[in-house]
Amino acid sequence: MSTPYDPRAEYRKRIQQRQTVIFGSISAVMAFLFVFGSLIWVGIIPAPFDREFSKKAEPVHIVPCPPNDIQARDLTTITARVYNSTSVSGQAGAVGQDLTTLGVTVAETSNWRGAPLPEATRIITGKNNIDAAYTLRAYFPGSTIHFDETNTSDLLDIVIGKKFNGTNIGPSEEDLTSALEPIKDCTSIN
């Protein structure tokens, strides 16, 4: 004996199947968008569009020009802090030891709190020590000098970067003279 044909039951069955397909598809799309959005948020996947309004502004690094009458400073009058921005352990301590051997007073050796530096060495100076920064430039081949307007002390910050190849303990007279020359595109600090 067969069951009688019920048009209402057949209609409900088709409606339930459609609802299952529609709500299942919507749920699958929402799950995909949630996972995709989370991966963009975390930074694993780059955003598919350019977001100029939310990018961090790159800090402006001012390279100071040396004074017109610059003379190499006596190393015993220079005080510096040495920071390591590389993954090589103990690099700040080794450079600090080299500077102490040369007569520079090393106030601190520590790890750099910022992002790792791509250059060899960055010497950060305030207005009072531009001549000292240019003097130490001879001892750090490939170094750059950056001006920090908030630094009003007599301290220099020496940050060791990824391309650091060692300290030039005994620069020649020619190295000292070329280190005192202005860096290209430097800014005069008054």
C-alpha atoms as a PDB file:
ATOM      1  CA  MET A   1       0.000   0.000   0.000  1.00  0.00           C
ATOM      2  CA  SER A   2       1.422   3.364  -1.004  1.00  0.00           C
ATOM      3  CA  THR A   3       1.033   6.618   0.809  1.00  0.00           C
ATOM      4  CA  PRO A   4      -1.375   9.054  -0.734  1.00  0.00           C
ATOM      5  CA  TYR A   5       0.112  12.041  -2.575  1.00  0.00           C
ATOM      6  CA  ASP A   6       0.136  15.116  -0.313  1.00  0.00           C
ATOM      7  CA  PRO A   7       0.838  18.330  -2.267  1.00  0.00           C
ATOM      8  CA  ARG A   8       1.436  20.337   0.930  1.00  0.00           C
ATOM      9  CA  ALA A   9       4.092  17.959   2.209  1.00  0.00           C
ATOM     10  CA  GLU A  10       5.809  18.044  -1.180  1.00  0.00           C
ATOM     11  CA  TYR A  11       5.726  21.880  -1.153  1.00  0.00           C
ATOM     12  CA  ARG A  12       7.181  22.040   2.390  1.00  0.00           C
ATOM     13  CA  LYS A  13       9.935  19.639   1.406  1.00  0.00           C
ATOM     14  CA  ARG A  14      10.962  21.809  -1.599  1.00  0.00           C
ATOM     15  CA  ILE A  15      10.865  24.983   0.519  1.00  0.00           C
ATOM     16  CA  GLN A  16      13.060  23.371   3.217  1.00  0.00           C
ATOM     17  CA  GLN A  17      15.558  22.212   0.588  1.00  0.00           C
ATOM     18  CA  ARG A  18      15.747  25.732  -0.914  1.00  0.00           C
ATOM     19  CA  GLN A  19      16.147  27.305   2.521  1.00  0.00           C
ATOM     20  CA  THR A  20      18.921  24.841   3.377  1.00  0.00           C
ATOM     21  CA  VAL A  21      20.797  25.643   0.156  1.00  0.00           C
ATOM     22  CA  ILE A  22      20.331  29.434   0.520  1.00  0.00           C
ATOM     23  CA  PHE A  23      21.237  29.664   4.217  1.00  0.00           C
ATOM     24  CA  GLY A  24      24.087  27.172   3.809  1.00  0.00           C
ATOM     25  CA  SER A  25      25.538  29.211   0.909  1.00  0.00           C
ATOM     26  CA  ILE A  26      25.221  32.458   2.857  1.00  0.00           C
ATOM     27  CA  SER A  27      26.894  30.859   5.904  1.00  0.00           C
ATOM     28  CA  ALA A  28      29.764  29.509   3.776  1.00  0.00           C
ATOM     29  CA  VAL A  29      30.368  32.919   2.139  1.00  0.00           C
ATOM     30  CA  MET A  30      30.281  34.673   5.539  1.00  0.00           C
ATOM     31  CA  ALA A  31      32.747  32.141   7.005  1.00  0.00           C
ATOM     32  CA  PHE A  32      35.109  32.671   4.044  1.00  0.00           C
ATOM     33  CA  LEU A  33      34.899  36.475   4.375  1.00  0.00           C
ATOM     34  CA  PHE A  34      35.526  36.251   8.128  1.00  0.00           C
ATOM     35  CA  VAL A  35      38.657  34.110   7.660  1.00  0.00           C
ATOM     36  CA  PHE A  36      39.903  36.280   4.757  1.00  0.00           C
ATOM     37  CA  GLY A  37      39.299  39.511   6.711  1.00  0.00           C
ATOM     38  CA  SER A  38      41.037  38.094   9.783  1.00  0.00           C
ATOM     39  CA  LEU A  39      44.112  37.163   7.726  1.00  0.00           C
ATOM     40  CA  ILE A  40      44.247  40.712   6.306  1.00  0.00           C
ATOM     41  CA  TRP A  41      43.774  42.211   9.785  1.00  0.00           C
ATOM     42  CA  VAL A  42      46.645  40.150  11.228  1.00  0.00           C
ATOM     43  CA  GLY A  43      48.848  41.047   8.257  1.00  0.00           C
ATOM     44  CA  ILE A  44      49.370  37.582   6.829  1.00  0.00           C
ATOM     45  CA  ILE A  45      47.676  38.554   3.559  1.00  0.00           C
ATOM     46  CA  PRO A  46      48.162  42.057   2.094  1.00  0.00           C
ATOM     47  CA  ALA A  47      45.042  44.122   1.575  1.00  0.00           C
ATOM     48  CA  PRO A  48      43.654  43.911  -1.963  1.00  0.00           C
ATOM     49  CA  PHE A  49      43.382  47.692  -2.181  1.00  0.00           C
ATOM     50  CA  ASP A  50      45.649  50.655  -1.414  1.00  0.00           C
ATOM     51  CA  ARG A  51      44.891  52.370   1.897  1.00  0.00           C
ATOM     52  CA  GLU A  52      46.798  55.663   1.757  1.00  0.00           C
ATOM     53  CA  PHE A  53      44.744  57.181   4.570  1.00  0.00           C
ATOM     54  CA  SER A  54      45.779  54.587   7.155  1.00  0.00           C
ATOM     55  CA  LYS A  55      49.478  54.155   6.353  1.00  0.00           C
ATOM     56  CA  LYS A  56      51.968  55.249   8.968  1.00  0.00           C
ATOM     57  CA  ALA A  57      53.945  58.290   7.960  1.00  0.00           C
ATOM     58  CA  GLU A  58      57.623  57.575   7.491  1.00  0.00           C
ATOM     59  CA  PRO A  59      59.726  59.593   9.929  1.00  0.00           C
ATOM     60  CA  VAL A  60      61.746  62.351   8.319  1.00  0.00           C
ATOM     61  CA  HIS A  61      65.434  61.861   8.966  1.00  0.00           C
ATOM     62  CA  ILE A  62      67.435  65.058   8.812  1.00  0.00           C
ATOM     63  CA  VAL A  63      71.105  64.669   7.975  1.00  0.00           C
ATOM     64  CA  PRO A  64      72.903  67.665   9.508  1.00  0.00           C
ATOM     65  CA  CYS A  65      75.709  69.430   7.669  1.00  0.00           C
ATOM     66  CA  PRO A  66      78.957  69.896   9.565  1.00  0.00           C
ATOM     67  CA  PRO A  67      79.877  73.401  10.716  1.00  0.00           C
ATOM     68  CA  ASN A  68      82.018  75.351   8.230  1.00  0.00           C
ATOM     69  CA  ASP A  69      85.005  75.425  10.593  1.00  0.00           C
ATOM     70  CA  ILE A  70      84.757  71.759  11.634  1.00  0.00           C
ATOM     71  CA  GLN A  71      87.773  70.161  13.264  1.00  0.00           C
ATOM     72  CA  ALA A  72      88.056  66.551  14.372  1.00  0.00           C
ATOM     73  CA  ARG A  73      87.128  66.337  18.047  1.00  0.00           C
ATOM     74  CA  ASP A  74      89.397  64.763  20.611  1.00  0.00           C
ATOM     75  CA  LEU A  75      87.836  61.354  21.260  1.00  0.00           C
ATOM     76  CA  THR A  76      88.236  61.713  25.027  1.00  0.00           C
ATOM     77  CA  THR A  77      85.681  64.583  24.959  1.00  0.00           C
ATOM     78  CA  ILE A  78      82.954  62.431  23.329  1.00  0.00           C
ATOM     79  CA  THR A  79      80.308  60.530  25.307  1.00  0.00           C
ATOM     80  CA  ALA A  80      78.146  57.984  23.508  1.00  0.00           C
ATOM     81  CA  ARG A  81      75.483  55.347  23.991  1.00  0.00           C
ATOM     82  CA  VAL A  82      75.780  52.254  21.788  1.00  0.00           C
ATOM     83  CA  TYR A  83      72.710  50.298  20.666  1.00  0.00           C
ATOM     84  CA  ASN A  84      72.425  47.024  18.776  1.00  0.00           C
ATOM     85  CA  SER A  85      69.566  46.772  16.258  1.00  0.00           C
ATOM     86  CA  THR A  86      70.749  43.449  14.809  1.00  0.00           C
ATOM     87  CA  SER A  87      70.060  39.868  15.819  1.00  0.00           C
ATOM     88  CA  VAL A  88      73.770  39.344  16.612  1.00  0.00           C
ATOM     89  CA  SER A  89      74.088  39.102  20.370  1.00  0.00           C
ATOM     90  CA  GLY A  90      76.676  41.257  22.160  1.00  0.00           C
ATOM     91  CA  GLN A  91      77.397  43.591  19.258  1.00  0.00           C
ATOM     92  CA  ALA A  92      76.723  46.781  21.253  1.00  0.00           C
ATOM     93  CA  GLY A  93      79.076  45.611  24.012  1.00  0.00           C
ATOM     94  CA  ALA A  94      81.861  44.837  21.528  1.00  0.00           C
ATOM     95  CA  VAL A  95      81.524  48.217  19.824  1.00  0.00           C
ATOM     96  CA  GLY A  96      81.364  49.922  23.217  1.00  0.00           C
ATOM     97  CA  GLN A  97      84.614  48.183  24.171  1.00  0.00           C
ATOM     98  CA  ASP A  98      86.245  49.373  20.915  1.00  0.00           C
ATOM     99  CA  LEU A  99      85.141  52.952  21.591  1.00  0.00           C
ATOM    100  CA  THR A 100      86.384  52.801  25.178  1.00  0.00           C
ATOM    101  CA  THR A 101      89.773  51.642  23.857  1.00  0.00           C
ATOM    102  CA  LEU A 102      89.822  54.723  21.617  1.00  0.00           C
ATOM    103  CA  GLY A 103      89.078  57.010  24.581  1.00  0.00           C
ATOM    104  CA  VAL A 104      85.364  57.634  24.025  1.00  0.00           C
ATOM    105  CA  THR A 105      83.255  57.549  27.180  1.00  0.00           C
ATOM    106  CA  VAL A 106      80.530  54.932  26.680  1.00  0.00           C
ATOM    107  CA  ALA A 107      77.544  55.746  28.901  1.00  0.00           C
ATOM    108  CA  GLU A 108      75.413  52.744  27.938  1.00  0.00           C
ATOM    109  CA  THR A 109      75.326  49.657  25.735  1.00  0.00           C
ATOM    110  CA  SER A 110      71.924  48.167  25.060  1.00  0.00           C
ATOM    111  CA  ASN A 111      69.531  46.785  22.457  1.00  0.00           C
ATOM    112  CA  TRP A 112      67.777  49.213  20.101  1.00  0.00           C
ATOM    113  CA  ARG A 113      64.052  49.475  20.767  1.00  0.00           C
ATOM    114  CA  GLY A 114      63.126  50.509  17.235  1.00  0.00           C
ATOM    115  CA  ALA A 115      63.056  48.551  14.007  1.00  0.00           C
ATOM    116  CA  PRO A 116      66.305  46.977  12.796  1.00  0.00           C
ATOM    117  CA  LEU A 117      68.341  49.459  10.778  1.00  0.00           C
ATOM    118  CA  PRO A 118      69.163  48.608   7.156  1.00  0.00           C
ATOM    119  CA  GLU A 119      72.390  50.639   7.068  1.00  0.00           C
ATOM    120  CA  ALA A 120      75.732  49.797   8.685  1.00  0.00           C
ATOM    121  CA  THR A 121      75.700  52.340  11.513  1.00  0.00           C
ATOM    122  CA  ARG A 122      73.542  55.336  12.400  1.00  0.00           C
ATOM    123  CA  ILE A 123      75.021  58.104  14.527  1.00  0.00           C
ATOM    124  CA  ILE A 124      72.266  60.224  16.086  1.00  0.00           C
ATOM    125  CA  THR A 125      73.260  63.653  17.332  1.00  0.00           C
ATOM    126  CA  GLY A 126      71.767  66.803  18.737  1.00  0.00           C
ATOM    127  CA  LYS A 127      72.782  70.355  17.879  1.00  0.00           C
ATOM    128  CA  ASN A 128      75.702  70.373  20.338  1.00  0.00           C
ATOM    129  CA  ASN A 129      77.578  67.374  18.936  1.00  0.00           C
ATOM    130  CA  ILE A 130      77.463  67.538  15.148  1.00  0.00           C
ATOM    131  CA  ASP A 131      81.257  67.828  15.017  1.00  0.00           C
ATOM    132  CA  ALA A 132      81.618  64.788  17.295  1.00  0.00           C
ATOM    133  CA  ALA A 133      79.249  62.779  15.076  1.00  0.00           C
ATOM    134  CA  TYR A 134      81.289  63.625  11.980  1.00  0.00           C
ATOM    135  CA  THR A 135      84.486  62.726  13.868  1.00  0.00           C
ATOM    136  CA  LEU A 136      83.117  59.285  14.813  1.00  0.00           C
ATOM    137  CA  ARG A 137      81.972  58.762  11.222  1.00  0.00           C
ATOM    138  CA  ALA A 138      85.611  57.935  10.349  1.00  0.00           C
ATOM    139  CA  TYR A 139      85.510  55.026  12.810  1.00  0.00           C
ATOM    140  CA  PHE A 140      82.307  53.528  11.376  1.00  0.00           C
ATOM    141  CA  PRO A 141      82.584  52.880   7.617  1.00  0.00           C
ATOM    142  CA  GLY A 142      79.261  53.294   5.819  1.00  0.00           C
ATOM    143  CA  SER A 143      77.681  55.202   8.698  1.00  0.00           C
ATOM    144  CA  THR A 144      74.949  57.813   8.395  1.00  0.00           C
ATOM    145  CA  ILE A 145      74.356  60.789  10.662  1.00  0.00           C
ATOM    146  CA  HIS A 146      70.858  61.766  11.773  1.00  0.00           C
ATOM    147  CA  PHE A 147      69.802  64.880  13.626  1.00  0.00           C
ATOM    148  CA  ASP A 148      67.567  64.644  16.697  1.00  0.00           C
ATOM    149  CA  GLU A 149      66.218  68.063  17.587  1.00  0.00           C
ATOM    150  CA  THR A 150      65.040  66.790  20.993  1.00  0.00           C
ATOM    151  CA  ASN A 151      68.591  65.846  22.012  1.00  0.00           C
ATOM    152  CA  THR A 152      69.965  68.787  23.975  1.00  0.00           C
ATOM    153  CA  SER A 153      72.591  66.756  25.830  1.00  0.00           C
ATOM    154  CA  ASP A 154      76.182  66.049  24.848  1.00  0.00           C
ATOM    155  CA  LEU A 155      75.413  62.372  24.199  1.00  0.00           C
ATOM    156  CA  LEU A 156      75.683  60.673  20.825  1.00  0.00           C
ATOM    157  CA  ASP A 157      73.641  57.571  20.049  1.00  0.00           C
ATOM    158  CA  ILE A 158      75.404  54.993  17.894  1.00  0.00           C
ATOM    159  CA  VAL A 159      73.060  52.343  16.507  1.00  0.00           C
ATOM    160  CA  ILE A 160      74.561  49.247  14.887  1.00  0.00           C
ATOM    161  CA  GLY A 161      72.643  48.156  11.778  1.00  0.00           C
ATOM    162  CA  LYS A 162      72.409  45.092   9.547  1.00  0.00           C
ATOM    163  CA  LYS A 163      75.347  46.036   7.263  1.00  0.00           C
ATOM    164  CA  PHE A 164      77.808  46.617  10.118  1.00  0.00           C
ATOM    165  CA  ASN A 165      81.245  45.192   9.280  1.00  0.00           C
ATOM    166  CA  GLY A 166      83.221  46.313  12.309  1.00  0.00           C
ATOM    167  CA  THR A 167      84.773  49.407  13.798  1.00  0.00           C
ATOM    168  CA  ASN A 168      87.676  51.107  12.014  1.00  0.00           C
ATOM    169  CA  ILE A 169      89.975  51.354  15.054  1.00  0.00           C
ATOM    170  CA  GLY A 170      92.812  53.094  13.231  1.00  0.00           C
ATOM    171  CA  PRO A 171      91.455  55.306  10.462  1.00  0.00           C
ATOM    172  CA  SER A 172      94.026  56.952   8.235  1.00  0.00           C
ATOM    173  CA  GLU A 173      94.428  60.722   8.017  1.00  0.00           C
ATOM    174  CA  GLU A 174      92.601  60.543   4.680  1.00  0.00           C
ATOM    175  CA  ASP A 175      89.669  58.673   6.320  1.00  0.00           C
ATOM    176  CA  LEU A 176      89.443  61.337   9.034  1.00  0.00           C
ATOM    177  CA  THR A 177      89.480  64.161   6.479  1.00  0.00           C
ATOM    178  CA  SER A 178      86.825  62.568   4.251  1.00  0.00           C
ATOM    179  CA  ALA A 179      84.625  61.825   7.290  1.00  0.00           C
ATOM    180  CA  LEU A 180      84.483  65.548   8.100  1.00  0.00           C
ATOM    181  CA  GLU A 181      83.155  66.423   4.642  1.00  0.00           C
ATOM    182  CA  PRO A 182      79.415  67.145   4.316  1.00  0.00           C
ATOM    183  CA  ILE A 183      77.121  64.235   3.498  1.00  0.00           C
ATOM    184  CA  LYS A 184      75.150  64.589   0.249  1.00  0.00           C
ATOM    185  CA  ASP A 185      71.792  66.376   0.699  1.00  0.00           C
ATOM    186  CA  CYS A 186      72.598  67.441   4.264  1.00  0.00           C
ATOM    187  CA  THR A 187      70.668  70.211   6.017  1.00  0.00           C
ATOM    188  CA  SER A 188      72.358  73.172   7.688  1.00  0.00           C
ATOM    189  CA  ILE A 189      71.443  73.308  11.389  1.00  0.00           C
ATOM    190  CA  ASN A 190      71.587  76.768  12.960  1.00  0.00           C
END
